[in-house]
Amino acid sequence: MIIKDYSGNIESFERFLISKLCSVEEITGNDSALYKKIIYVSFIDSLAACVFPRKGNRDRFISTIERFSHWDDRNRVSITHLGKYVYSNPHPSLSDVRKYVGPVLERWRERQNENIFISEDPRLSDTDIKHISWKKDKESGIDLSIDSFTHSNLLYKMRNALVHQFQSRADEILPSDPKEPFYQVINQG
């Protein structure tokens, strides 16, 4: 049996993809950051559909990020998003999560003039986070799990806002070229 060599086709496809990504960088204008983000997540979507054709949009997008991105922070749990959720949901089963999140958020509030990098969020595999994880329970109103707060899952939520609502979040207050993703303490009062 003779095996056909597809390496030339693969290299050609790679050059095609690289040229498309280079074209995205050439976009200019007032809303260029928004347009670039929309195209980048669409690009990820198109690759994800090729690699995981039997999965739904969410699963294949997140699977692509987790399997191929080499993004160090993809499996970190966003303490700010987790805190917002557990403090807005009074269910008693989330009390351990509130006990964990509260002191971290308090320390971050004290850092008013500093950026808090997302690399400071704990990894999903960290013992402390694994210890406080919970399961979804529709009857109690807990409709999310700890996995919902990983950066790869939150990136999918941002993708939805970009693609379905044509909006990015917080672009007007962020620096135009941050070196690393971060949180900022905003005083409301």
N, C-alpha and C. Protein backbone atom coordinates (compact mmCIF):
# COMPACT_ATOMS: atom_id res chain seq x y z
N MET A 1 0.84 -1.19 0.00
CA MET A 1 0.00 0.00 0.00
C MET A 1 0.88 1.25 0.00
N ILE A 2 0.57 2.16 -0.87
CA ILE A 2 1.35 3.39 -0.98
C ILE A 2 0.59 4.50 -0.24
N ILE A 3 1.33 5.22 0.59
CA ILE A 3 0.74 6.32 1.35
C ILE A 3 1.08 7.62 0.63
N LYS A 4 0.05 8.40 0.34
CA LYS A 4 0.25 9.66 -0.38
C LYS A 4 0.85 10.69 0.56
N ASP A 5 1.76 11.49 0.04
CA ASP A 5 2.43 12.53 0.81
C ASP A 5 1.63 13.83 0.69
N TYR A 6 1.05 14.26 1.80
CA TYR A 6 0.25 15.49 1.84
C TYR A 6 1.03 16.67 2.41
N SER A 7 2.32 16.52 2.64
CA SER A 7 3.08 17.59 3.28
C SER A 7 3.05 18.88 2.47
N GLY A 8 3.06 18.79 1.14
CA GLY A 8 2.97 20.01 0.31
C GLY A 8 1.65 20.72 0.50
N ASN A 9 0.57 19.96 0.59
CA ASN A 9 -0.76 20.56 0.83
C ASN A 9 -0.81 21.23 2.20
N ILE A 10 -0.22 20.58 3.18
CA ILE A 10 -0.22 21.14 4.54
C ILE A 10 0.57 22.44 4.58
N GLU A 11 1.73 22.45 3.96
CA GLU A 11 2.54 23.67 3.93
C GLU A 11 1.83 24.79 3.18
N SER A 12 1.15 24.45 2.10
CA SER A 12 0.38 25.45 1.35
C SER A 12 -0.75 26.02 2.20
N PHE A 13 -1.44 25.16 2.92
CA PHE A 13 -2.52 25.61 3.81
C PHE A 13 -1.97 26.49 4.93
N GLU A 14 -0.82 26.11 5.46
CA GLU A 14 -0.19 26.92 6.51
C GLU A 14 0.16 28.31 5.99
N ARG A 15 0.73 28.40 4.80
CA ARG A 15 1.05 29.71 4.20
C ARG A 15 -0.22 30.53 3.99
N PHE A 16 -1.30 29.87 3.55
CA PHE A 16 -2.58 30.54 3.36
C PHE A 16 -3.07 31.14 4.69
N LEU A 17 -3.03 30.34 5.76
CA LEU A 17 -3.48 30.82 7.07
C LEU A 17 -2.63 31.97 7.58
N ILE A 18 -1.35 31.86 7.43
CA ILE A 18 -0.44 32.93 7.88
C ILE A 18 -0.71 34.22 7.11
N SER A 19 -0.96 34.11 5.81
CA SER A 19 -1.24 35.32 5.03
C SER A 19 -2.53 35.98 5.50
N LYS A 20 -3.52 35.17 5.86
CA LYS A 20 -4.79 35.73 6.36
C LYS A 20 -4.56 36.43 7.70
N LEU A 21 -3.78 35.82 8.58
CA LEU A 21 -3.50 36.45 9.87
C LEU A 21 -2.71 37.75 9.69
N CYS A 22 -1.79 37.78 8.74
CA CYS A 22 -1.04 39.01 8.46
C CYS A 22 -1.96 40.11 7.96
N SER A 23 -2.96 39.73 7.19
CA SER A 23 -3.93 40.72 6.68
C SER A 23 -4.73 41.34 7.82
N VAL A 24 -5.02 40.56 8.85
CA VAL A 24 -5.77 41.08 9.99
C VAL A 24 -4.97 42.20 10.66
N GLU A 25 -3.68 42.01 10.79
CA GLU A 25 -2.83 43.02 11.43
C GLU A 25 -2.79 44.33 10.67
N GLU A 26 -3.12 44.32 9.40
CA GLU A 26 -3.10 45.53 8.58
C GLU A 26 -4.35 46.40 8.76
N ILE A 27 -5.34 45.92 9.46
CA ILE A 27 -6.58 46.67 9.67
C ILE A 27 -6.28 47.89 10.54
N THR A 28 -6.75 49.04 10.11
CA THR A 28 -6.55 50.28 10.87
C THR A 28 -7.88 51.00 11.02
N GLY A 29 -7.87 52.03 11.82
CA GLY A 29 -9.07 52.84 12.01
C GLY A 29 -9.50 52.84 13.47
N ASN A 30 -10.56 53.63 13.73
CA ASN A 30 -11.03 53.80 15.10
C ASN A 30 -11.44 52.50 15.78
N ASP A 31 -12.07 51.62 15.05
CA ASP A 31 -12.56 50.37 15.63
C ASP A 31 -11.70 49.17 15.24
N SER A 32 -10.46 49.40 14.88
CA SER A 32 -9.62 48.31 14.39
C SER A 32 -9.41 47.22 15.46
N ALA A 33 -9.29 47.59 16.72
CA ALA A 33 -9.10 46.57 17.77
C ALA A 33 -10.31 45.64 17.85
N LEU A 34 -11.51 46.21 17.76
CA LEU A 34 -12.73 45.42 17.78
C LEU A 34 -12.78 44.49 16.58
N TYR A 35 -12.51 45.03 15.39
CA TYR A 35 -12.57 44.22 14.18
C TYR A 35 -11.55 43.09 14.21
N LYS A 36 -10.37 43.38 14.70
CA LYS A 36 -9.33 42.35 14.80
C LYS A 36 -9.77 41.23 15.74
N LYS A 37 -10.32 41.59 16.88
CA LYS A 37 -10.78 40.57 17.83
C LYS A 37 -11.86 39.69 17.21
N ILE A 38 -12.79 40.30 16.51
CA ILE A 38 -13.87 39.53 15.87
C ILE A 38 -13.28 38.55 14.85
N ILE A 39 -12.35 39.03 14.06
CA ILE A 39 -11.75 38.15 13.05
C ILE A 39 -10.93 37.05 13.71
N TYR A 40 -10.19 37.37 14.75
CA TYR A 40 -9.39 36.34 15.42
C TYR A 40 -10.26 35.23 16.01
N VAL A 41 -11.35 35.59 16.69
CA VAL A 41 -12.19 34.53 17.25
C VAL A 41 -12.90 33.76 16.14
N SER A 42 -13.22 34.43 15.04
CA SER A 42 -13.80 33.72 13.89
C SER A 42 -12.78 32.75 13.30
N PHE A 43 -11.55 33.17 13.28
CA PHE A 43 -10.46 32.32 12.80
C PHE A 43 -10.33 31.07 13.67
N ILE A 44 -10.36 31.26 14.98
CA ILE A 44 -10.32 30.11 15.91
C ILE A 44 -11.53 29.22 15.67
N ASP A 45 -12.71 29.83 15.51
CA ASP A 45 -13.92 29.05 15.22
C ASP A 45 -13.76 28.18 13.98
N SER A 46 -13.21 28.76 12.92
CA SER A 46 -13.08 28.00 11.67
C SER A 46 -12.10 26.84 11.83
N LEU A 47 -11.00 27.06 12.53
CA LEU A 47 -10.06 25.97 12.78
C LEU A 47 -10.68 24.90 13.68
N ALA A 48 -11.41 25.35 14.69
CA ALA A 48 -12.05 24.41 15.62
C ALA A 48 -13.05 23.52 14.92
N ALA A 49 -13.78 24.07 13.96
CA ALA A 49 -14.76 23.28 13.22
C ALA A 49 -14.08 22.20 12.38
N CYS A 50 -12.88 22.48 11.92
CA CYS A 50 -12.13 21.47 11.15
C CYS A 50 -11.61 20.35 12.04
N VAL A 51 -11.16 20.71 13.23
CA VAL A 51 -10.53 19.73 14.12
C VAL A 51 -11.57 18.92 14.90
N PHE A 52 -12.64 19.59 15.32
CA PHE A 52 -13.67 18.94 16.14
C PHE A 52 -15.05 19.08 15.48
N PRO A 53 -15.28 18.48 14.33
CA PRO A 53 -16.52 18.71 13.58
C PRO A 53 -17.78 18.20 14.27
N ARG A 54 -17.66 17.26 15.18
CA ARG A 54 -18.85 16.67 15.81
C ARG A 54 -19.23 17.36 17.13
N LYS A 55 -18.41 18.27 17.58
CA LYS A 55 -18.71 18.99 18.82
C LYS A 55 -19.52 20.25 18.51
N GLY A 56 -20.21 20.76 19.52
CA GLY A 56 -20.91 22.03 19.38
C GLY A 56 -19.92 23.19 19.41
N ASN A 57 -20.39 24.40 19.08
CA ASN A 57 -19.51 25.58 19.02
C ASN A 57 -18.69 25.77 20.29
N ARG A 58 -19.35 25.77 21.43
CA ARG A 58 -18.66 26.02 22.69
C ARG A 58 -17.58 24.99 22.95
N ASP A 59 -17.95 23.72 22.86
CA ASP A 59 -16.99 22.65 23.16
C ASP A 59 -15.80 22.66 22.20
N ARG A 60 -16.07 22.88 20.92
CA ARG A 60 -14.94 22.84 19.99
C ARG A 60 -14.05 24.06 20.13
N PHE A 61 -14.63 25.25 20.41
CA PHE A 61 -13.81 26.46 20.61
C PHE A 61 -12.90 26.27 21.82
N ILE A 62 -13.49 25.86 22.95
CA ILE A 62 -12.71 25.68 24.18
C ILE A 62 -11.70 24.55 24.02
N SER A 63 -12.09 23.46 23.37
CA SER A 63 -11.16 22.35 23.14
C SER A 63 -9.97 22.79 22.30
N THR A 64 -10.22 23.63 21.32
CA THR A 64 -9.13 24.14 20.47
C THR A 64 -8.18 25.00 21.29
N ILE A 65 -8.72 25.88 22.12
CA ILE A 65 -7.89 26.73 22.97
C ILE A 65 -7.07 25.86 23.92
N GLU A 66 -7.71 24.90 24.55
CA GLU A 66 -7.02 24.08 25.55
C GLU A 66 -6.00 23.14 24.93
N ARG A 67 -6.28 22.65 23.74
CA ARG A 67 -5.37 21.67 23.14
C ARG A 67 -4.23 22.30 22.35
N PHE A 68 -4.48 23.41 21.67
CA PHE A 68 -3.49 23.93 20.73
C PHE A 68 -2.90 25.30 21.07
N SER A 69 -3.46 26.03 22.02
CA SER A 69 -3.05 27.42 22.18
C SER A 69 -1.72 27.60 22.91
N HIS A 70 -1.34 26.69 23.77
CA HIS A 70 -0.14 26.87 24.61
C HIS A 70 -0.26 28.13 25.47
N TRP A 71 -1.47 28.56 25.74
CA TRP A 71 -1.73 29.73 26.57
C TRP A 71 -1.61 29.29 28.03
N ASP A 72 -0.61 29.80 28.72
CA ASP A 72 -0.33 29.37 30.10
C ASP A 72 -1.49 29.61 31.06
N ASP A 73 -2.29 30.62 30.80
CA ASP A 73 -3.34 31.01 31.75
C ASP A 73 -4.71 30.42 31.42
N ARG A 74 -4.79 29.56 30.44
CA ARG A 74 -6.09 29.06 29.97
C ARG A 74 -6.87 28.32 31.05
N ASN A 75 -6.20 27.61 31.94
CA ASN A 75 -6.89 26.84 32.97
C ASN A 75 -6.82 27.49 34.35
N ARG A 76 -6.57 28.77 34.37
CA ARG A 76 -6.63 29.51 35.64
C ARG A 76 -8.07 29.93 35.88
N VAL A 77 -8.45 30.01 37.14
CA VAL A 77 -9.81 30.40 37.53
C VAL A 77 -9.82 31.89 37.84
N SER A 78 -10.67 32.63 37.17
CA SER A 78 -10.76 34.07 37.39
C SER A 78 -11.41 34.34 38.74
N ILE A 79 -10.62 34.83 39.66
CA ILE A 79 -11.12 35.12 41.01
C ILE A 79 -12.16 36.24 40.97
N THR A 80 -11.96 37.24 40.11
CA THR A 80 -12.93 38.34 40.06
C THR A 80 -14.29 37.87 39.54
N HIS A 81 -14.30 37.06 38.51
CA HIS A 81 -15.57 36.55 37.98
C HIS A 81 -16.22 35.57 38.96
N LEU A 82 -15.39 34.72 39.56
CA LEU A 82 -15.90 33.77 40.54
C LEU A 82 -16.50 34.51 41.74
N GLY A 83 -15.82 35.54 42.21
CA GLY A 83 -16.32 36.33 43.33
C GLY A 83 -17.65 36.99 43.02
N LYS A 84 -17.75 37.56 41.84
CA LYS A 84 -19.01 38.20 41.45
C LYS A 84 -20.16 37.19 41.47
N TYR A 85 -19.89 35.99 40.98
CA TYR A 85 -20.93 34.96 40.94
C TYR A 85 -21.33 34.51 42.34
N VAL A 86 -20.36 34.17 43.17
CA VAL A 86 -20.72 33.60 44.48
C VAL A 86 -21.29 34.64 45.43
N TYR A 87 -20.93 35.92 45.25
CA TYR A 87 -21.51 36.94 46.11
C TYR A 87 -22.90 37.36 45.64
N SER A 88 -23.23 37.07 44.37
CA SER A 88 -24.58 37.37 43.90
C SER A 88 -25.52 36.17 44.06
N ASN A 89 -24.98 35.02 44.42
CA ASN A 89 -25.78 33.82 44.64
C ASN A 89 -25.62 33.40 46.11
N PRO A 90 -26.65 33.62 46.92
CA PRO A 90 -26.53 33.39 48.36
C PRO A 90 -26.62 31.92 48.80
N HIS A 91 -26.67 30.98 47.88
CA HIS A 91 -26.87 29.58 48.26
C HIS A 91 -25.79 29.13 49.25
N PRO A 92 -26.19 28.45 50.32
CA PRO A 92 -25.24 28.01 51.36
C PRO A 92 -24.12 27.10 50.84
N SER A 93 -24.36 26.35 49.79
CA SER A 93 -23.31 25.44 49.30
C SER A 93 -22.12 26.19 48.71
N LEU A 94 -22.27 27.50 48.50
CA LEU A 94 -21.17 28.30 47.97
C LEU A 94 -20.40 29.04 49.06
N SER A 95 -20.71 28.77 50.32
CA SER A 95 -20.06 29.50 51.42
C SER A 95 -18.56 29.24 51.47
N ASP A 96 -18.12 28.02 51.18
CA ASP A 96 -16.67 27.75 51.16
C ASP A 96 -15.98 28.54 50.07
N VAL A 97 -16.65 28.70 48.95
CA VAL A 97 -16.07 29.47 47.85
C VAL A 97 -15.95 30.93 48.26
N ARG A 98 -16.98 31.46 48.92
CA ARG A 98 -16.93 32.86 49.39
C ARG A 98 -15.80 33.04 50.39
N LYS A 99 -15.59 32.06 51.27
CA LYS A 99 -14.49 32.14 52.25
C LYS A 99 -13.13 32.15 51.57
N TYR A 100 -13.02 31.45 50.47
CA TYR A 100 -11.76 31.41 49.72
C TYR A 100 -11.54 32.70 48.93
N VAL A 101 -12.58 33.15 48.24
CA VAL A 101 -12.47 34.29 47.33
C VAL A 101 -12.35 35.62 48.09
N GLY A 102 -13.08 35.76 49.19
CA GLY A 102 -13.12 37.03 49.92
C GLY A 102 -11.76 37.60 50.27
N PRO A 103 -10.90 36.85 50.95
CA PRO A 103 -9.58 37.39 51.31
C PRO A 103 -8.71 37.73 50.10
N VAL A 104 -8.82 36.95 49.03
CA VAL A 104 -8.03 37.25 47.83
C VAL A 104 -8.47 38.57 47.24
N LEU A 105 -9.78 38.76 47.10
CA LEU A 105 -10.29 40.02 46.54
C LEU A 105 -9.95 41.20 47.44
N GLU A 106 -9.97 41.00 48.74
CA GLU A 106 -9.61 42.07 49.68
C GLU A 106 -8.15 42.48 49.50
N ARG A 107 -7.25 41.51 49.35
CA ARG A 107 -5.83 41.84 49.12
C ARG A 107 -5.67 42.58 47.80
N TRP A 108 -6.44 42.19 46.79
CA TRP A 108 -6.33 42.85 45.50
C TRP A 108 -6.87 44.27 45.56
N ARG A 109 -7.92 44.50 46.35
CA ARG A 109 -8.47 45.87 46.49
C ARG A 109 -7.43 46.83 47.06
N GLU A 110 -6.56 46.32 47.90
CA GLU A 110 -5.51 47.15 48.50
C GLU A 110 -4.45 47.56 47.49
N ARG A 111 -4.43 46.95 46.35
CA ARG A 111 -3.44 47.23 45.31
C ARG A 111 -4.01 48.19 44.27
N GLN A 112 -4.53 49.31 44.72
CA GLN A 112 -5.27 50.23 43.84
C GLN A 112 -4.45 50.78 42.69
N ASN A 113 -3.18 50.97 42.86
CA ASN A 113 -2.38 51.57 41.78
C ASN A 113 -1.59 50.53 40.99
N GLU A 114 -1.93 49.27 41.17
CA GLU A 114 -1.21 48.20 40.47
C GLU A 114 -2.16 47.43 39.57
N ASN A 115 -1.61 46.88 38.51
CA ASN A 115 -2.36 45.92 37.71
C ASN A 115 -2.25 44.57 38.38
N ILE A 116 -3.31 43.82 38.35
CA ILE A 116 -3.31 42.46 38.89
C ILE A 116 -3.39 41.54 37.68
N PHE A 117 -2.30 40.87 37.39
CA PHE A 117 -2.21 40.06 36.19
C PHE A 117 -3.00 38.77 36.35
N ILE A 118 -3.59 38.31 35.26
CA ILE A 118 -4.39 37.10 35.34
C ILE A 118 -3.54 35.88 35.67
N SER A 119 -2.24 36.02 35.52
CA SER A 119 -1.35 34.93 35.92
C SER A 119 -1.32 34.76 37.45
N GLU A 120 -1.92 35.69 38.17
CA GLU A 120 -2.04 35.57 39.62
C GLU A 120 -3.26 34.75 40.03
N ASP A 121 -4.18 34.52 39.10
CA ASP A 121 -5.33 33.66 39.39
C ASP A 121 -4.84 32.23 39.61
N PRO A 122 -5.52 31.47 40.46
CA PRO A 122 -5.09 30.09 40.70
C PRO A 122 -5.44 29.18 39.52
N ARG A 123 -4.65 28.16 39.35
CA ARG A 123 -4.94 27.16 38.32
C ARG A 123 -6.08 26.27 38.80
N LEU A 124 -6.86 25.77 37.87
CA LEU A 124 -7.97 24.88 38.19
C LEU A 124 -7.46 23.64 38.94
N SER A 125 -6.24 23.24 38.67
CA SER A 125 -5.67 22.05 39.31
C SER A 125 -5.11 22.33 40.71
N ASP A 126 -5.03 23.60 41.14
CA ASP A 126 -4.52 23.91 42.48
C ASP A 126 -5.38 23.26 43.55
N THR A 127 -4.74 22.78 44.57
CA THR A 127 -5.44 22.06 45.64
C THR A 127 -6.54 22.90 46.28
N ASP A 128 -6.27 24.17 46.54
CA ASP A 128 -7.27 25.03 47.19
C ASP A 128 -8.54 25.14 46.36
N ILE A 129 -8.40 25.32 45.07
CA ILE A 129 -9.56 25.45 44.19
C ILE A 129 -10.29 24.12 44.06
N LYS A 130 -9.55 23.04 43.90
CA LYS A 130 -10.19 21.73 43.77
C LYS A 130 -11.00 21.40 45.02
N HIS A 131 -10.49 21.83 46.16
CA HIS A 131 -11.15 21.54 47.43
C HIS A 131 -12.51 22.23 47.53
N ILE A 132 -12.63 23.40 46.94
CA ILE A 132 -13.88 24.16 47.08
C ILE A 132 -14.82 24.03 45.88
N SER A 133 -14.47 23.21 44.92
CA SER A 133 -15.31 23.12 43.73
C SER A 133 -16.70 22.59 44.07
N TRP A 134 -17.62 22.82 43.19
CA TRP A 134 -19.00 22.39 43.40
C TRP A 134 -19.57 21.87 42.09
N LYS A 135 -20.73 21.28 42.18
CA LYS A 135 -21.41 20.77 40.99
C LYS A 135 -22.63 21.64 40.70
N LYS A 136 -23.02 21.65 39.44
CA LYS A 136 -24.23 22.37 39.05
C LYS A 136 -25.43 21.76 39.77
N ASP A 137 -26.36 22.60 40.14
CA ASP A 137 -27.57 22.12 40.80
C ASP A 137 -28.68 23.11 40.45
N LYS A 138 -29.43 22.80 39.40
CA LYS A 138 -30.47 23.71 38.90
C LYS A 138 -31.51 24.04 39.98
N GLU A 139 -31.85 23.08 40.82
CA GLU A 139 -32.87 23.32 41.85
C GLU A 139 -32.45 24.39 42.84
N SER A 140 -31.16 24.45 43.15
CA SER A 140 -30.68 25.44 44.11
C SER A 140 -30.33 26.77 43.44
N GLY A 141 -30.39 26.80 42.12
CA GLY A 141 -30.04 28.03 41.41
C GLY A 141 -28.57 28.12 41.05
N ILE A 142 -27.81 27.06 41.31
CA ILE A 142 -26.40 27.05 40.94
C ILE A 142 -26.32 26.48 39.53
N ASP A 143 -26.15 27.37 38.56
CA ASP A 143 -26.19 26.94 37.17
C ASP A 143 -24.81 26.87 36.52
N LEU A 144 -23.76 27.12 37.30
CA LEU A 144 -22.40 27.07 36.78
C LEU A 144 -21.54 26.19 37.68
N SER A 145 -20.43 25.73 37.13
CA SER A 145 -19.45 24.99 37.92
C SER A 145 -18.16 25.80 37.95
N ILE A 146 -17.21 25.36 38.71
CA ILE A 146 -15.93 26.07 38.82
C ILE A 146 -15.26 26.18 37.44
N ASP A 147 -15.45 25.16 36.58
CA ASP A 147 -14.87 25.17 35.24
C ASP A 147 -15.35 26.37 34.42
N SER A 148 -16.53 26.86 34.71
CA SER A 148 -17.10 27.99 33.97
C SER A 148 -16.29 29.27 34.13
N PHE A 149 -15.41 29.30 35.14
CA PHE A 149 -14.66 30.51 35.44
C PHE A 149 -13.19 30.44 35.01
N THR A 150 -12.85 29.39 34.23
CA THR A 150 -11.49 29.34 33.69
C THR A 150 -11.38 30.37 32.57
N HIS A 151 -10.17 30.80 32.31
CA HIS A 151 -9.96 31.82 31.29
C HIS A 151 -10.35 31.32 29.90
N SER A 152 -10.18 30.03 29.62
CA SER A 152 -10.60 29.53 28.31
C SER A 152 -12.12 29.61 28.16
N ASN A 153 -12.86 29.32 29.23
CA ASN A 153 -14.32 29.46 29.18
C ASN A 153 -14.73 30.92 29.09
N LEU A 154 -14.04 31.78 29.79
CA LEU A 154 -14.36 33.21 29.74
C LEU A 154 -14.01 33.80 28.36
N LEU A 155 -12.97 33.26 27.73
CA LEU A 155 -12.66 33.69 26.37
C LEU A 155 -13.81 33.34 25.43
N TYR A 156 -14.43 32.19 25.63
CA TYR A 156 -15.58 31.84 24.81
C TYR A 156 -16.74 32.82 25.06
N LYS A 157 -16.94 33.22 26.31
CA LYS A 157 -17.99 34.22 26.59
C LYS A 157 -17.68 35.54 25.89
N MET A 158 -16.40 35.94 25.89
CA MET A 158 -16.01 37.16 25.20
C MET A 158 -16.24 37.00 23.69
N ARG A 159 -15.93 35.81 23.16
CA ARG A 159 -16.17 35.51 21.76
C ARG A 159 -17.63 35.73 21.41
N ASN A 160 -18.54 35.30 22.28
CA ASN A 160 -19.96 35.46 22.03
C ASN A 160 -20.36 36.94 22.00
N ALA A 161 -19.82 37.72 22.91
CA ALA A 161 -20.12 39.16 22.91
C ALA A 161 -19.60 39.81 21.63
N LEU A 162 -18.44 39.38 21.17
CA LEU A 162 -17.88 39.93 19.94
C LEU A 162 -18.71 39.54 18.72
N VAL A 163 -18.99 38.26 18.60
CA VAL A 163 -19.64 37.74 17.40
C VAL A 163 -21.13 38.08 17.36
N HIS A 164 -21.81 37.96 18.49
CA HIS A 164 -23.27 38.13 18.50
C HIS A 164 -23.73 39.54 18.83
N GLN A 165 -22.89 40.30 19.51
CA GLN A 165 -23.30 41.65 19.90
C GLN A 165 -22.41 42.72 19.29
N PHE A 166 -21.37 42.30 18.57
CA PHE A 166 -20.45 43.22 17.90
C PHE A 166 -19.84 44.21 18.89
N GLN A 167 -19.49 43.68 20.07
CA GLN A 167 -18.89 44.56 21.07
C GLN A 167 -17.80 43.85 21.83
N SER A 168 -16.83 44.62 22.21
CA SER A 168 -15.78 44.15 23.09
C SER A 168 -16.04 44.81 24.44
N ARG A 169 -15.41 44.30 25.45
CA ARG A 169 -15.66 44.87 26.78
C ARG A 169 -14.45 45.63 27.26
N ALA A 170 -14.67 46.81 27.80
CA ALA A 170 -13.67 47.62 28.49
C ALA A 170 -12.55 48.15 27.60
N ASP A 171 -12.72 48.17 26.29
CA ASP A 171 -11.67 48.69 25.42
C ASP A 171 -11.38 50.16 25.68
N GLU A 172 -12.39 50.88 26.10
CA GLU A 172 -12.21 52.32 26.26
C GLU A 172 -11.35 52.68 27.47
N ILE A 173 -11.16 51.75 28.44
CA ILE A 173 -10.38 52.10 29.62
C ILE A 173 -9.05 51.35 29.69
N LEU A 174 -8.81 50.46 28.73
CA LEU A 174 -7.58 49.68 28.76
C LEU A 174 -6.50 50.34 27.91
N PRO A 175 -5.24 50.09 28.25
CA PRO A 175 -4.17 50.59 27.38
C PRO A 175 -4.30 49.95 26.00
N SER A 176 -3.81 50.63 24.98
CA SER A 176 -3.98 50.13 23.62
C SER A 176 -3.15 48.88 23.34
N ASP A 177 -2.07 48.66 24.07
CA ASP A 177 -1.22 47.50 23.80
C ASP A 177 -0.73 46.89 25.10
N PRO A 178 -1.62 46.26 25.87
CA PRO A 178 -1.14 45.66 27.12
C PRO A 178 -0.20 44.50 26.84
N LYS A 179 0.83 44.36 27.66
CA LYS A 179 1.82 43.29 27.48
C LYS A 179 1.28 41.96 27.98
N GLU A 180 0.39 42.03 28.96
CA GLU A 180 -0.17 40.82 29.56
C GLU A 180 -1.57 41.15 30.07
N PRO A 181 -2.54 40.24 29.95
CA PRO A 181 -3.89 40.53 30.45
C PRO A 181 -3.88 40.79 31.96
N PHE A 182 -4.74 41.71 32.41
CA PHE A 182 -4.74 42.06 33.82
C PHE A 182 -6.10 42.56 34.26
N TYR A 183 -6.27 42.65 35.59
CA TYR A 183 -7.42 43.27 36.22
C TYR A 183 -6.96 44.60 36.76
N GLN A 184 -7.89 45.54 36.90
CA GLN A 184 -7.61 46.82 37.54
C GLN A 184 -8.61 47.05 38.64
N VAL A 185 -8.14 47.62 39.72
CA VAL A 185 -9.04 47.99 40.81
C VAL A 185 -9.69 49.32 40.42
N ILE A 186 -11.01 49.35 40.41
CA ILE A 186 -11.77 50.56 40.08
C ILE A 186 -12.55 50.95 41.32
N ASN A 187 -12.32 52.16 41.81
CA ASN A 187 -13.07 52.66 42.97
C ASN A 187 -14.41 53.19 42.50
N GLN A 188 -15.46 52.77 43.18
CA GLN A 188 -16.80 53.24 42.83
C GLN A 188 -17.38 54.03 43.99
N GLY A 189 -16.84 55.13 44.26
CA GLY A 189 -17.41 55.84 45.35
C GLY A 189 -16.64 56.99 45.68
